[in-house]
């Protein structure tokens, strides 16, 4: 399997989404509690959901539509976090990159599903 530019971009977007959720937990909630819980819990929950349903070696594999829904929820949450924190430019750029990368990846996944049939 060869690694494409979009694969690298998607990996970086996934890492940035986890960072975004942790940063949101740090800034949006009072310290020490519940701030620490959200700072650790939000990215941890997103990583678990991604690993269970969306990763290439998912524990509970879904069809392409289900994978798209999980991706939209995780990336959309990270985008919303930036808007909630008052950084709309960061949220918009991240959201656009995530959508473009997700559409490119989704089209290739649908193509691979059709080739298997």
PDB file of N, CA and C in Angstrom:
ATOM      1  N   UNK A   1       0.848  -1.182   0.000  1.00  0.00           N
ATOM      2  CA  UNK A   1       0.000   0.000   0.000  1.00  0.00           C
ATOM      3  C   UNK A   1       0.883   1.231   0.000  1.00  0.00           C
ATOM      4  N   UNK A   2       0.644   2.133  -0.910  1.00  0.00           N
ATOM      5  CA  UNK A   2       1.473   3.325  -0.972  1.00  0.00           C
ATOM      6  C   UNK A   2       0.818   4.476  -0.227  1.00  0.00           C
ATOM      7  N   UNK A   3       1.636   5.322   0.313  1.00  0.00           N
ATOM      8  CA  UNK A   3       1.156   6.455   1.100  1.00  0.00           C
ATOM      9  C   UNK A   3       1.099   7.677   0.198  1.00  0.00           C
ATOM     10  N   UNK A   4      -0.054   8.307   0.145  1.00  0.00           N
ATOM     11  CA  UNK A   4      -0.251   9.486  -0.691  1.00  0.00           C
ATOM     12  C   UNK A   4      -0.157  10.756   0.153  1.00  0.00           C
ATOM     13  N   UNK A   5      -0.133  11.877  -0.537  1.00  0.00           N
ATOM     14  CA  UNK A   5      -0.124  13.167   0.155  1.00  0.00           C
ATOM     15  C   UNK A   5      -1.369  13.310   1.027  1.00  0.00           C
ATOM     16  N   UNK A   6      -2.511  12.857   0.527  1.00  0.00           N
ATOM     17  CA  UNK A   6      -3.749  12.963   1.295  1.00  0.00           C
ATOM     18  C   UNK A   6      -3.702  12.117   2.562  1.00  0.00           C
ATOM     19  N   UNK A   7      -3.015  10.971   2.518  1.00  0.00           N
ATOM     20  CA  UNK A   7      -2.874  10.147   3.720  1.00  0.00           C
ATOM     21  C   UNK A   7      -2.103  10.891   4.806  1.00  0.00           C
ATOM     22  N   UNK A   8      -1.036  11.562   4.401  1.00  0.00           N
ATOM     23  CA  UNK A   8      -0.234  12.342   5.357  1.00  0.00           C
ATOM     24  C   UNK A   8      -1.059  13.512   5.887  1.00  0.00           C
ATOM     25  N   UNK A   9      -1.768  14.200   4.986  1.00  0.00           N
ATOM     26  CA  UNK A   9      -2.616  15.315   5.404  1.00  0.00           C
ATOM     27  C   UNK A   9      -3.688  14.848   6.379  1.00  0.00           C
ATOM     28  N   UNK A  10      -4.307  13.717   6.103  1.00  0.00           N
ATOM     29  CA  UNK A  10      -5.351  13.202   6.990  1.00  0.00           C
ATOM     30  C   UNK A  10      -4.791  12.874   8.367  1.00  0.00           C
ATOM     31  N   UNK A  11      -3.597  12.282   8.410  1.00  0.00           N
ATOM     32  CA  UNK A  11      -2.978  11.979   9.693  1.00  0.00           C
ATOM     33  C   UNK A  11      -2.717  13.261  10.485  1.00  0.00           C
ATOM     34  N   UNK A  12      -2.201  14.283   9.812  1.00  0.00           N
ATOM     35  CA  UNK A  12      -1.954  15.558  10.491  1.00  0.00           C
ATOM     36  C   UNK A  12      -3.261  16.211  10.942  1.00  0.00           C
ATOM     37  N   UNK A  13      -4.306  16.088  10.136  1.00  0.00           N
ATOM     38  CA  UNK A  13      -5.609  16.629  10.534  1.00  0.00           C
ATOM     39  C   UNK A  13      -6.173  15.886  11.743  1.00  0.00           C
ATOM     40  N   UNK A  14      -5.971  14.592  11.789  1.00  0.00           N
ATOM     41  CA  UNK A  14      -6.435  13.813  12.944  1.00  0.00           C
ATOM     42  C   UNK A  14      -5.701  14.244  14.215  1.00  0.00           C
ATOM     43  N   UNK A  15      -4.390  14.421  14.117  1.00  0.00           N
ATOM     44  CA  UNK A  15      -3.625  14.886  15.281  1.00  0.00           C
ATOM     45  C   UNK A  15      -4.068  16.277  15.708  1.00  0.00           C
ATOM     46  N   UNK A  16      -4.292  17.151  14.723  1.00  0.00           N
ATOM     47  CA  UNK A  16      -4.722  18.510  15.047  1.00  0.00           C
ATOM     48  C   UNK A  16      -6.117  18.509  15.660  1.00  0.00           C
ATOM     49  N   UNK A  17      -6.978  17.596  15.223  1.00  0.00           N
ATOM     50  CA  UNK A  17      -8.318  17.497  15.820  1.00  0.00           C
ATOM     51  C   UNK A  17      -8.219  17.109  17.287  1.00  0.00           C
ATOM     52  N   UNK A  18      -7.342  16.165  17.603  1.00  0.00           N
ATOM     53  CA  UNK A  18      -7.160  15.774  19.011  1.00  0.00           C
ATOM     54  C   UNK A  18      -6.585  16.931  19.825  1.00  0.00           C
ATOM     55  N   UNK A  19      -5.601  17.630  19.260  1.00  0.00           N
ATOM     56  CA  UNK A  19      -5.059  18.811  19.934  1.00  0.00           C
ATOM     57  C   UNK A  19      -6.148  19.856  20.151  1.00  0.00           C
ATOM     58  N   UNK A  20      -6.971  20.078  19.123  1.00  0.00           N
ATOM     59  CA  UNK A  20      -8.033  21.083  19.200  1.00  0.00           C
ATOM     60  C   UNK A  20      -9.008  20.783  20.328  1.00  0.00           C
ATOM     61  N   UNK A  21      -9.385  19.519  20.456  1.00  0.00           N
ATOM     62  CA  UNK A  21     -10.328  19.150  21.515  1.00  0.00           C
ATOM     63  C   UNK A  21      -9.693  19.305  22.896  1.00  0.00           C
ATOM     64  N   UNK A  22      -8.412  18.977  23.024  1.00  0.00           N
ATOM     65  CA  UNK A  22      -7.721  19.186  24.290  1.00  0.00           C
ATOM     66  C   UNK A  22      -7.572  20.661  24.623  1.00  0.00           C
ATOM     67  N   UNK A  23      -7.253  21.469  23.622  1.00  0.00           N
ATOM     68  CA  UNK A  23      -7.109  22.914  23.810  1.00  0.00           C
ATOM     69  C   UNK A  23      -8.443  23.533  24.208  1.00  0.00           C
ATOM     70  N   UNK A  24      -9.515  23.052  23.580  1.00  0.00           N
ATOM     71  CA  UNK A  24     -10.850  23.518  23.947  1.00  0.00           C
ATOM     72  C   UNK A  24     -11.151  23.174  25.404  1.00  0.00           C
ATOM     73  N   UNK A  25     -10.828  21.951  25.804  1.00  0.00           N
ATOM     74  CA  UNK A  25     -11.059  21.560  27.192  1.00  0.00           C
ATOM     75  C   UNK A  25     -10.261  22.407  28.168  1.00  0.00           C
ATOM     76  N   UNK A  26      -9.066  22.804  27.757  1.00  0.00           N
ATOM     77  CA  UNK A  26      -8.198  23.622  28.605  1.00  0.00           C
ATOM     78  C   UNK A  26      -8.741  25.034  28.768  1.00  0.00           C
ATOM     79  N   UNK A  27      -9.213  25.635  27.673  1.00  0.00           N
ATOM     80  CA  UNK A  27      -9.637  27.034  27.720  1.00  0.00           C
ATOM     81  C   UNK A  27     -11.110  27.248  28.047  1.00  0.00           C
ATOM     82  N   UNK A  28     -11.958  26.303  27.710  1.00  0.00           N
ATOM     83  CA  UNK A  28     -13.397  26.525  27.834  1.00  0.00           C
ATOM     84  C   UNK A  28     -13.954  26.199  29.206  1.00  0.00           C
ATOM     85  N   UNK A  29     -13.199  25.487  30.028  1.00  0.00           N
ATOM     86  CA  UNK A  29     -13.723  25.049  31.311  1.00  0.00           C
ATOM     87  C   UNK A  29     -12.836  25.547  32.431  1.00  0.00           C
ATOM     88  N   UNK A  30     -13.426  25.855  33.594  1.00  0.00           N
ATOM     89  CA  UNK A  30     -12.619  26.350  34.714  1.00  0.00           C
ATOM     90  C   UNK A  30     -11.700  25.270  35.276  1.00  0.00           C
ATOM     91  N   UNK A  31     -10.545  25.743  35.741  1.00  0.00           N
ATOM     92  CA  UNK A  31      -9.583  24.816  36.332  1.00  0.00           C
ATOM     93  C   UNK A  31      -9.790  24.743  37.824  1.00  0.00           C
ATOM     94  N   UNK A  32      -9.442  23.728  38.522  1.00  0.00           N
ATOM     95  CA  UNK A  32      -8.886  22.481  38.010  1.00  0.00           C
ATOM     96  C   UNK A  32      -9.956  21.528  37.528  1.00  0.00           C
ATOM     97  N   UNK A  33     -11.137  21.560  38.136  1.00  0.00           N
ATOM     98  CA  UNK A  33     -12.195  20.644  37.694  1.00  0.00           C
ATOM     99  C   UNK A  33     -13.342  21.467  37.180  1.00  0.00           C
ATOM    100  N   UNK A  34     -13.925  21.223  36.123  1.00  0.00           N
ATOM    101  CA  UNK A  34     -13.852  20.115  35.180  1.00  0.00           C
ATOM    102  C   UNK A  34     -12.837  20.314  34.049  1.00  0.00           C
ATOM    103  N   UNK A  35     -12.042  21.391  34.107  1.00  0.00           N
ATOM    104  CA  UNK A  35     -11.097  21.672  33.029  1.00  0.00           C
ATOM    105  C   UNK A  35     -10.171  20.522  32.695  1.00  0.00           C
ATOM    106  N   UNK A  36      -9.586  19.915  33.708  1.00  0.00           N
ATOM    107  CA  UNK A  36      -8.654  18.810  33.472  1.00  0.00           C
ATOM    108  C   UNK A  36      -9.385  17.622  32.862  1.00  0.00           C
ATOM    109  N   UNK A  37     -10.591  17.368  33.321  1.00  0.00           N
ATOM    110  CA  UNK A  37     -11.359  16.243  32.780  1.00  0.00           C
ATOM    111  C   UNK A  37     -11.662  16.433  31.293  1.00  0.00           C
ATOM    112  N   UNK A  38     -12.063  17.629  30.916  1.00  0.00           N
ATOM    113  CA  UNK A  38     -12.366  17.884  29.507  1.00  0.00           C
ATOM    114  C   UNK A  38     -11.088  17.969  28.674  1.00  0.00           C
ATOM    115  N   UNK A  39     -10.019  18.501  29.240  1.00  0.00           N
ATOM    116  CA  UNK A  39      -8.755  18.614  28.521  1.00  0.00           C
ATOM    117  C   UNK A  39      -8.217  17.228  28.156  1.00  0.00           C
ATOM    118  N   UNK A  40      -8.409  16.259  29.021  1.00  0.00           N
ATOM    119  CA  UNK A  40      -7.943  14.897  28.765  1.00  0.00           C
ATOM    120  C   UNK A  40      -9.054  14.053  28.148  1.00  0.00           C
ATOM    121  N   UNK A  41     -10.259  14.204  28.642  1.00  0.00           N
ATOM    122  CA  UNK A  41     -11.361  13.338  28.229  1.00  0.00           C
ATOM    123  C   UNK A  41     -11.848  13.553  26.814  1.00  0.00           C
ATOM    124  N   UNK A  42     -11.929  14.795  26.346  1.00  0.00           N
ATOM    125  CA  UNK A  42     -12.455  15.044  24.999  1.00  0.00           C
ATOM    126  C   UNK A  42     -11.569  14.424  23.917  1.00  0.00           C
ATOM    127  N   UNK A  43     -10.248  14.681  23.929  1.00  0.00           N
ATOM    128  CA  UNK A  43      -9.432  14.026  22.895  1.00  0.00           C
ATOM    129  C   UNK A  43      -9.340  12.507  23.082  1.00  0.00           C
ATOM    130  N   UNK A  44      -9.371  12.053  24.320  1.00  0.00           N
ATOM    131  CA  UNK A  44      -9.324  10.617  24.563  1.00  0.00           C
ATOM    132  C   UNK A  44     -10.569   9.930  24.002  1.00  0.00           C
ATOM    133  N   UNK A  45     -11.731  10.524  24.242  1.00  0.00           N
ATOM    134  CA  UNK A  45     -12.976   9.972  23.703  1.00  0.00           C
ATOM    135  C   UNK A  45     -12.952   9.959  22.176  1.00  0.00           C
ATOM    136  N   UNK A  46     -12.490  11.061  21.573  1.00  0.00           N
ATOM    137  CA  UNK A  46     -12.421  11.130  20.110  1.00  0.00           C
ATOM    138  C   UNK A  46     -11.456  10.083  19.558  1.00  0.00           C
ATOM    139  N   UNK A  47     -10.324   9.878  20.220  1.00  0.00           N
ATOM    140  CA  UNK A  47      -9.351   8.891  19.760  1.00  0.00           C
ATOM    141  C   UNK A  47      -9.916   7.469  19.870  1.00  0.00           C
ATOM    142  N   UNK A  48     -10.646   7.203  20.927  1.00  0.00           N
ATOM    143  CA  UNK A  48     -11.247   5.878  21.094  1.00  0.00           C
ATOM    144  C   UNK A  48     -12.302   5.628  20.023  1.00  0.00           C
ATOM    145  N   UNK A  49     -13.161   6.603  19.784  1.00  0.00           N
ATOM    146  CA  UNK A  49     -14.194   6.460  18.753  1.00  0.00           C
ATOM    147  C   UNK A  49     -13.542   6.273  17.387  1.00  0.00           C
ATOM    148  N   UNK A  50     -12.498   7.062  17.108  1.00  0.00           N
ATOM    149  CA  UNK A  50     -11.808   6.958  15.820  1.00  0.00           C
ATOM    150  C   UNK A  50     -11.176   5.573  15.676  1.00  0.00           C
ATOM    151  N   UNK A  51     -10.529   5.111  16.717  1.00  0.00           N
ATOM    152  CA  UNK A  51      -9.881   3.809  16.675  1.00  0.00           C
ATOM    153  C   UNK A  51     -10.864   2.657  16.542  1.00  0.00           C
ATOM    154  N   UNK A  52     -12.008   2.788  17.175  1.00  0.00           N
ATOM    155  CA  UNK A  52     -13.001   1.717  17.105  1.00  0.00           C
ATOM    156  C   UNK A  52     -13.689   1.630  15.744  1.00  0.00           C
ATOM    157  N   UNK A  53     -13.989   2.795  15.152  1.00  0.00           N
ATOM    158  CA  UNK A  53     -14.849   2.801  13.981  1.00  0.00           C
ATOM    159  C   UNK A  53     -14.217   3.334  12.698  1.00  0.00           C
ATOM    160  N   UNK A  54     -13.218   4.201  12.782  1.00  0.00           N
ATOM    161  CA  UNK A  54     -12.774   4.923  11.588  1.00  0.00           C
ATOM    162  C   UNK A  54     -11.374   4.572  11.111  1.00  0.00           C
ATOM    163  N   UNK A  55     -10.512   4.102  11.962  1.00  0.00           N
ATOM    164  CA  UNK A  55      -9.120   3.858  11.570  1.00  0.00           C
ATOM    165  C   UNK A  55      -9.046   2.741  10.525  1.00  0.00           C
ATOM    166  N   UNK A  56      -7.945   2.683   9.786  1.00  0.00           N
ATOM    167  CA  UNK A  56      -7.817   1.616   8.787  1.00  0.00           C
ATOM    168  C   UNK A  56      -7.909   0.206   9.388  1.00  0.00           C
ATOM    169  N   UNK A  57      -7.488   0.049  10.624  1.00  0.00           N
ATOM    170  CA  UNK A  57      -7.581  -1.256  11.296  1.00  0.00           C
ATOM    171  C   UNK A  57      -8.619  -1.187  12.413  1.00  0.00           C
ATOM    172  N   UNK A  58      -9.808  -0.701  12.083  1.00  0.00           N
ATOM    173  CA  UNK A  58     -10.862  -0.493  13.068  1.00  0.00           C
ATOM    174  C   UNK A  58     -11.282  -1.807  13.719  1.00  0.00           C
ATOM    175  N   UNK A  59     -11.559  -1.725  15.017  1.00  0.00           N
ATOM    176  CA  UNK A  59     -12.022  -2.889  15.766  1.00  0.00           C
ATOM    177  C   UNK A  59     -13.430  -3.279  15.324  1.00  0.00           C
ATOM    178  N   UNK A  60     -14.269  -2.299  15.102  1.00  0.00           N
ATOM    179  CA  UNK A  60     -15.643  -2.514  14.643  1.00  0.00           C
ATOM    180  C   UNK A  60     -15.815  -1.819  13.296  1.00  0.00           C
ATOM    181  N   UNK A  61     -15.408  -2.468  12.204  1.00  0.00           N
ATOM    182  CA  UNK A  61     -15.453  -1.806  10.901  1.00  0.00           C
ATOM    183  C   UNK A  61     -16.880  -1.468  10.470  1.00  0.00           C
ATOM    184  N   UNK A  62     -16.990  -0.308   9.845  1.00  0.00           N
ATOM    185  CA  UNK A  62     -18.277   0.167   9.337  1.00  0.00           C
ATOM    186  C   UNK A  62     -18.214   0.258   7.818  1.00  0.00           C
ATOM    187  N   UNK A  63     -19.386   0.434   7.213  1.00  0.00           N
ATOM    188  CA  UNK A  63     -19.419   0.691   5.781  1.00  0.00           C
ATOM    189  C   UNK A  63     -18.924   2.127   5.535  1.00  0.00           C
ATOM    190  N   UNK A  64     -18.685   2.517   4.286  1.00  0.00           N
ATOM    191  CA  UNK A  64     -18.154   3.863   4.028  1.00  0.00           C
ATOM    192  C   UNK A  64     -19.016   4.996   4.572  1.00  0.00           C
ATOM    193  N   UNK A  65     -20.320   4.817   4.562  1.00  0.00           N
ATOM    194  CA  UNK A  65     -21.195   5.876   5.092  1.00  0.00           C
ATOM    195  C   UNK A  65     -21.020   6.012   6.606  1.00  0.00           C
ATOM    196  N   UNK A  66     -20.950   4.904   7.315  1.00  0.00           N
ATOM    197  CA  UNK A  66     -20.729   4.946   8.760  1.00  0.00           C
ATOM    198  C   UNK A  66     -19.389   5.557   9.113  1.00  0.00           C
ATOM    199  N   UNK A  67     -18.354   5.219   8.336  1.00  0.00           N
ATOM    200  CA  UNK A  67     -17.035   5.818   8.577  1.00  0.00           C
ATOM    201  C   UNK A  67     -17.080   7.321   8.341  1.00  0.00           C
ATOM    202  N   UNK A  68     -17.833   7.739   7.318  1.00  0.00           N
ATOM    203  CA  UNK A  68     -17.956   9.166   7.031  1.00  0.00           C
ATOM    204  C   UNK A  68     -18.659   9.899   8.177  1.00  0.00           C
ATOM    205  N   UNK A  69     -19.678   9.283   8.739  1.00  0.00           N
ATOM    206  CA  UNK A  69     -20.397   9.908   9.860  1.00  0.00           C
ATOM    207  C   UNK A  69     -19.472  10.092  11.056  1.00  0.00           C
ATOM    208  N   UNK A  70     -18.681   9.075  11.373  1.00  0.00           N
ATOM    209  CA  UNK A  70     -17.745   9.186  12.494  1.00  0.00           C
ATOM    210  C   UNK A  70     -16.731  10.287  12.223  1.00  0.00           C
ATOM    211  N   UNK A  71     -16.224  10.328  11.005  1.00  0.00           N
ATOM    212  CA  UNK A  71     -15.243  11.365  10.655  1.00  0.00           C
ATOM    213  C   UNK A  71     -15.851  12.754  10.740  1.00  0.00           C
ATOM    214  N   UNK A  72     -17.065  12.912  10.258  1.00  0.00           N
ATOM    215  CA  UNK A  72     -17.733  14.216  10.325  1.00  0.00           C
ATOM    216  C   UNK A  72     -17.935  14.643  11.769  1.00  0.00           C
ATOM    217  N   UNK A  73     -18.299  13.719  12.645  1.00  0.00           N
ATOM    218  CA  UNK A  73     -18.510  14.056  14.051  1.00  0.00           C
ATOM    219  C   UNK A  73     -17.208  14.489  14.732  1.00  0.00           C
ATOM    220  N   UNK A  74     -16.131  13.768  14.498  1.00  0.00           N
ATOM    221  CA  UNK A  74     -14.859  14.107  15.154  1.00  0.00           C
ATOM    222  C   UNK A  74     -14.296  15.404  14.589  1.00  0.00           C
ATOM    223  N   UNK A  75     -14.199  15.498  13.271  1.00  0.00           N
ATOM    224  CA  UNK A  75     -13.636  16.709  12.656  1.00  0.00           C
ATOM    225  C   UNK A  75     -14.555  17.911  12.860  1.00  0.00           C
ATOM    226  N   UNK A  76     -15.851  17.674  12.817  1.00  0.00           N
ATOM    227  CA  UNK A  76     -16.792  18.765  13.066  1.00  0.00           C
ATOM    228  C   UNK A  76     -16.712  19.277  14.492  1.00  0.00           C
ATOM    229  N   UNK A  77     -16.495  18.386  15.447  1.00  0.00           N
ATOM    230  CA  UNK A  77     -16.333  18.809  16.840  1.00  0.00           C
ATOM    231  C   UNK A  77     -15.094  19.666  17.016  1.00  0.00           C
ATOM    232  N   UNK A  78     -14.016  19.266  16.357  1.00  0.00           N
ATOM    233  CA  UNK A  78     -12.781  20.050  16.452  1.00  0.00           C
ATOM    234  C   UNK A  78     -12.955  21.420  15.788  1.00  0.00           C
ATOM    235  N   UNK A  79     -13.647  21.444  14.665  1.00  0.00           N
ATOM    236  CA  UNK A  79     -13.913  22.721  14.004  1.00  0.00           C
ATOM    237  C   UNK A  79     -14.775  23.614  14.882  1.00  0.00           C
ATOM    238  N   UNK A  80     -15.827  23.047  15.457  1.00  0.00           N
ATOM    239  CA  UNK A  80     -16.711  23.819  16.341  1.00  0.00           C
ATOM    240  C   UNK A  80     -15.958  24.329  17.559  1.00  0.00           C
ATOM    241  N   UNK A  81     -15.000  23.562  18.052  1.00  0.00           N
ATOM    242  CA  UNK A  81     -14.224  23.988  19.217  1.00  0.00           C
ATOM    243  C   UNK A  81     -13.488  25.289  18.926  1.00  0.00           C
ATOM    244  N   UNK A  82     -12.888  25.392  17.735  1.00  0.00           N
ATOM    245  CA  UNK A  82     -12.174  26.626  17.397  1.00  0.00           C
ATOM    246  C   UNK A  82     -13.125  27.811  17.291  1.00  0.00           C
ATOM    247  N   UNK A  83     -14.304  27.601  16.731  1.00  0.00           N
ATOM    248  CA  UNK A  83     -15.277  28.683  16.651  1.00  0.00           C
ATOM    249  C   UNK A  83     -15.745  29.084  18.044  1.00  0.00           C
ATOM    250  N   UNK A  84     -15.957  28.108  18.921  1.00  0.00           N
ATOM    251  CA  UNK A  84     -16.402  28.411  20.283  1.00  0.00           C
ATOM    252  C   UNK A  84     -15.339  29.167  21.072  1.00  0.00           C
ATOM    253  N   UNK A  85     -14.081  28.907  20.773  1.00  0.00           N
ATOM    254  CA  UNK A  85     -12.983  29.581  21.474  1.00  0.00           C
ATOM    255  C   UNK A  85     -12.710  30.973  20.926  1.00  0.00           C
ATOM    256  N   UNK A  86     -13.357  31.344  19.823  1.00  0.00           N
ATOM    257  CA  UNK A  86     -13.168  32.669  19.264  1.00  0.00           C
ATOM    258  C   UNK A  86     -12.069  32.745  18.222  1.00  0.00           C
ATOM    259  N   UNK A  87     -11.739  31.625  17.601  1.00  0.00           N
ATOM    260  CA  UNK A  87     -10.740  31.581  16.538  1.00  0.00           C
ATOM    261  C   UNK A  87     -11.399  31.087  15.250  1.00  0.00           C
ATOM    262  N   UNK A  88     -12.253  31.926  14.641  1.00  0.00           N
ATOM    263  CA  UNK A  88     -13.007  31.447  13.479  1.00  0.00           C
ATOM    264  C   UNK A  88     -12.137  31.158  12.257  1.00  0.00           C
ATOM    265  N   UNK A  89     -11.032  31.855  12.100  1.00  0.00           N
ATOM    266  CA  UNK A  89     -10.175  31.610  10.937  1.00  0.00           C
ATOM    267  C   UNK A  89      -9.533  30.234  11.043  1.00  0.00           C
ATOM    268  N   UNK A  90      -9.033  29.888  12.230  1.00  0.00           N
ATOM    269  CA  UNK A  90      -8.444  28.568  12.431  1.00  0.00           C
ATOM    270  C   UNK A  90      -9.507  27.495  12.196  1.00  0.00           C
ATOM    271  N   UNK A  91     -10.704  27.709  12.738  1.00  0.00           N
ATOM    272  CA  UNK A  91     -11.789  26.746  12.553  1.00  0.00           C
ATOM    273  C   UNK A  91     -12.184  26.590  11.098  1.00  0.00           C
ATOM    274  N   UNK A  92     -12.267  27.711  10.368  1.00  0.00           N
ATOM    275  CA  UNK A  92     -12.659  27.644   8.959  1.00  0.00           C
ATOM    276  C   UNK A  92     -11.602  26.943   8.117  1.00  0.00           C
ATOM    277  N   UNK A  93     -10.331  27.287   8.327  1.00  0.00           N
ATOM    278  CA  UNK A  93      -9.256  26.647   7.555  1.00  0.00           C
ATOM    279  C   UNK A  93      -9.202  25.151   7.864  1.00  0.00           C
ATOM    280  N   UNK A  94      -9.275  24.807   9.140  1.00  0.00           N
ATOM    281  CA  UNK A  94      -9.261  23.395   9.513  1.00  0.00           C
ATOM    282  C   UNK A  94     -10.461  22.673   8.923  1.00  0.00           C
ATOM    283  N   UNK A  95     -11.632  23.263   9.031  1.00  0.00           N
ATOM    284  CA  UNK A  95     -12.841  22.637   8.504  1.00  0.00           C
ATOM    285  C   UNK A  95     -12.775  22.423   7.003  1.00  0.00           C
ATOM    286  N   UNK A  96     -12.284  23.406   6.267  1.00  0.00           N
ATOM    287  CA  UNK A  96     -12.172  23.279   4.809  1.00  0.00           C
ATOM    288  C   UNK A  96     -11.184  22.182   4.448  1.00  0.00           C
ATOM    289  N   UNK A  97     -10.024  22.176   5.108  1.00  0.00           N
ATOM    290  CA  UNK A  97      -9.033  21.128   4.841  1.00  0.00           C
ATOM    291  C   UNK A  97      -9.595  19.743   5.158  1.00  0.00           C
ATOM    292  N   UNK A  98     -10.318  19.634   6.266  1.00  0.00           N
ATOM    293  CA  UNK A  98     -10.891  18.350   6.654  1.00  0.00           C
ATOM    294  C   UNK A  98     -11.940  17.885   5.652  1.00  0.00           C
ATOM    295  N   UNK A  99     -12.757  18.790   5.168  1.00  0.00           N
ATOM    296  CA  UNK A  99     -13.795  18.427   4.193  1.00  0.00           C
ATOM    297  C   UNK A  99     -13.159  17.984   2.877  1.00  0.00           C
ATOM    298  N   UNK A 100     -12.203  18.762   2.379  1.00  0.00           N
ATOM    299  CA  UNK A 100     -11.570  18.418   1.103  1.00  0.00           C
ATOM    300  C   UNK A 100     -10.857  17.069   1.219  1.00  0.00           C
ATOM    301  N   UNK A 101     -10.098  16.886   2.285  1.00  0.00           N
ATOM    302  CA  UNK A 101      -9.388  15.627   2.485  1.00  0.00           C
ATOM    303  C   UNK A 101     -10.367  14.467   2.657  1.00  0.00           C
ATOM    304  N   UNK A 102     -11.442  14.695   3.388  1.00  0.00           N
ATOM    305  CA  UNK A 102     -12.436  13.649   3.597  1.00  0.00           C
ATOM    306  C   UNK A 102     -13.151  13.252   2.319  1.00  0.00           C
ATOM    307  N   UNK A 103     -13.448  14.221   1.463  1.00  0.00           N
ATOM    308  CA  UNK A 103     -14.111  13.917   0.189  1.00  0.00           C
ATOM    309  C   UNK A 103     -13.173  13.112  -0.703  1.00  0.00           C
ATOM    310  N   UNK A 104     -11.909  13.517  -0.779  1.00  0.00           N
ATOM    311  CA  UNK A 104     -10.934  12.776  -1.590  1.00  0.00           C
ATOM    312  C   UNK A 104     -10.805  11.351  -1.073  1.00  0.00           C
ATOM    313  N   UNK A 105     -10.690  11.201   0.240  1.00  0.00           N
ATOM    314  CA  UNK A 105     -10.563   9.869   0.821  1.00  0.00           C
ATOM    315  C   UNK A 105     -11.842   9.055   0.637  1.00  0.00           C
ATOM    316  N   UNK A 106     -12.983   9.677   0.810  1.00  0.00           N
ATOM    317  CA  UNK A 106     -14.251   8.970   0.646  1.00  0.00           C
ATOM    318  C   UNK A 106     -14.441   8.455  -0.767  1.00  0.00           C
ATOM    319  N   UNK A 107     -14.072   9.257  -1.752  1.00  0.00           N
ATOM    320  CA  UNK A 107     -14.187   8.809  -3.137  1.00  0.00           C
ATOM    321  C   UNK A 107     -13.279   7.616  -3.399  1.00  0.00           C
ATOM    322  N   UNK A 108     -12.073   7.638  -2.834  1.00  0.00           N
ATOM    323  CA  UNK A 108     -11.180   6.495  -3.051  1.00  0.00           C
ATOM    324  C   UNK A 108     -11.692   5.258  -2.304  1.00  0.00           C
ATOM    325  N   UNK A 109     -12.289   5.452  -1.118  1.00  0.00           N
ATOM    326  CA  UNK A 109     -12.862   4.309  -0.394  1.00  0.00           C
ATOM    327  C   UNK A 109     -14.034   3.704  -1.151  1.00  0.00           C
ATOM    328  N   UNK A 110     -14.899   4.544  -1.708  1.00  0.00           N
ATOM    329  CA  UNK A 110     -16.010   4.020  -2.495  1.00  0.00           C
ATOM    330  C   UNK A 110     -15.494   3.278  -3.719  1.00  0.00           C
ATOM    331  N   UNK A 111     -14.426   3.787  -4.337  1.00  0.00           N
ATOM    332  CA  UNK A 111     -13.833   3.113  -5.486  1.00  0.00           C
ATOM    333  C   UNK A 111     -13.272   1.751  -5.115  1.00  0.00           C
ATOM    334  N   UNK A 112     -12.618   1.665  -3.963  1.00  0.00           N
ATOM    335  CA  UNK A 112     -12.087   0.373  -3.513  1.00  0.00           C
ATOM    336  C   UNK A 112     -13.208  -0.595  -3.181  1.00  0.00           C
ATOM    337  N   UNK A 113     -14.304  -0.088  -2.600  1.00  0.00           N
ATOM    338  CA  UNK A 113     -15.450  -0.960  -2.293  1.00  0.00           C
ATOM    339  C   UNK A 113     -16.060  -1.515  -3.580  1.00  0.00           C
ATOM    340  N   UNK A 114     -16.167  -0.688  -4.599  1.00  0.00           N
ATOM    341  CA  UNK A 114     -16.729  -1.147  -5.875  1.00  0.00           C
ATOM    342  C   UNK A 114     -15.814  -2.136  -6.561  1.00  0.00           C
ATOM    343  N   UNK A 115     -14.499  -1.940  -6.429  1.00  0.00           N
ATOM    344  CA  UNK A 115     -13.538  -2.843  -7.079  1.00  0.00           C
ATOM    345  C   UNK A 115     -13.592  -4.232  -6.439  1.00  0.00           C
ATOM    346  N   UNK A 116     -13.937  -4.316  -5.167  1.00  0.00           N
ATOM    347  CA  UNK A 116     -14.028  -5.612  -4.477  1.00  0.00           C
ATOM    348  C   UNK A 116     -15.226  -6.423  -4.914  1.00  0.00           C
ATOM    349  N   UNK A 117     -16.251  -5.743  -5.405  1.00  0.00           N
ATOM    350  CA  UNK A 117     -17.503  -6.427  -5.785  1.00  0.00           C
ATOM    351  C   UNK A 117     -17.378  -7.175  -7.080  1.00  0.00           C
TER     352      UNK A 117
END
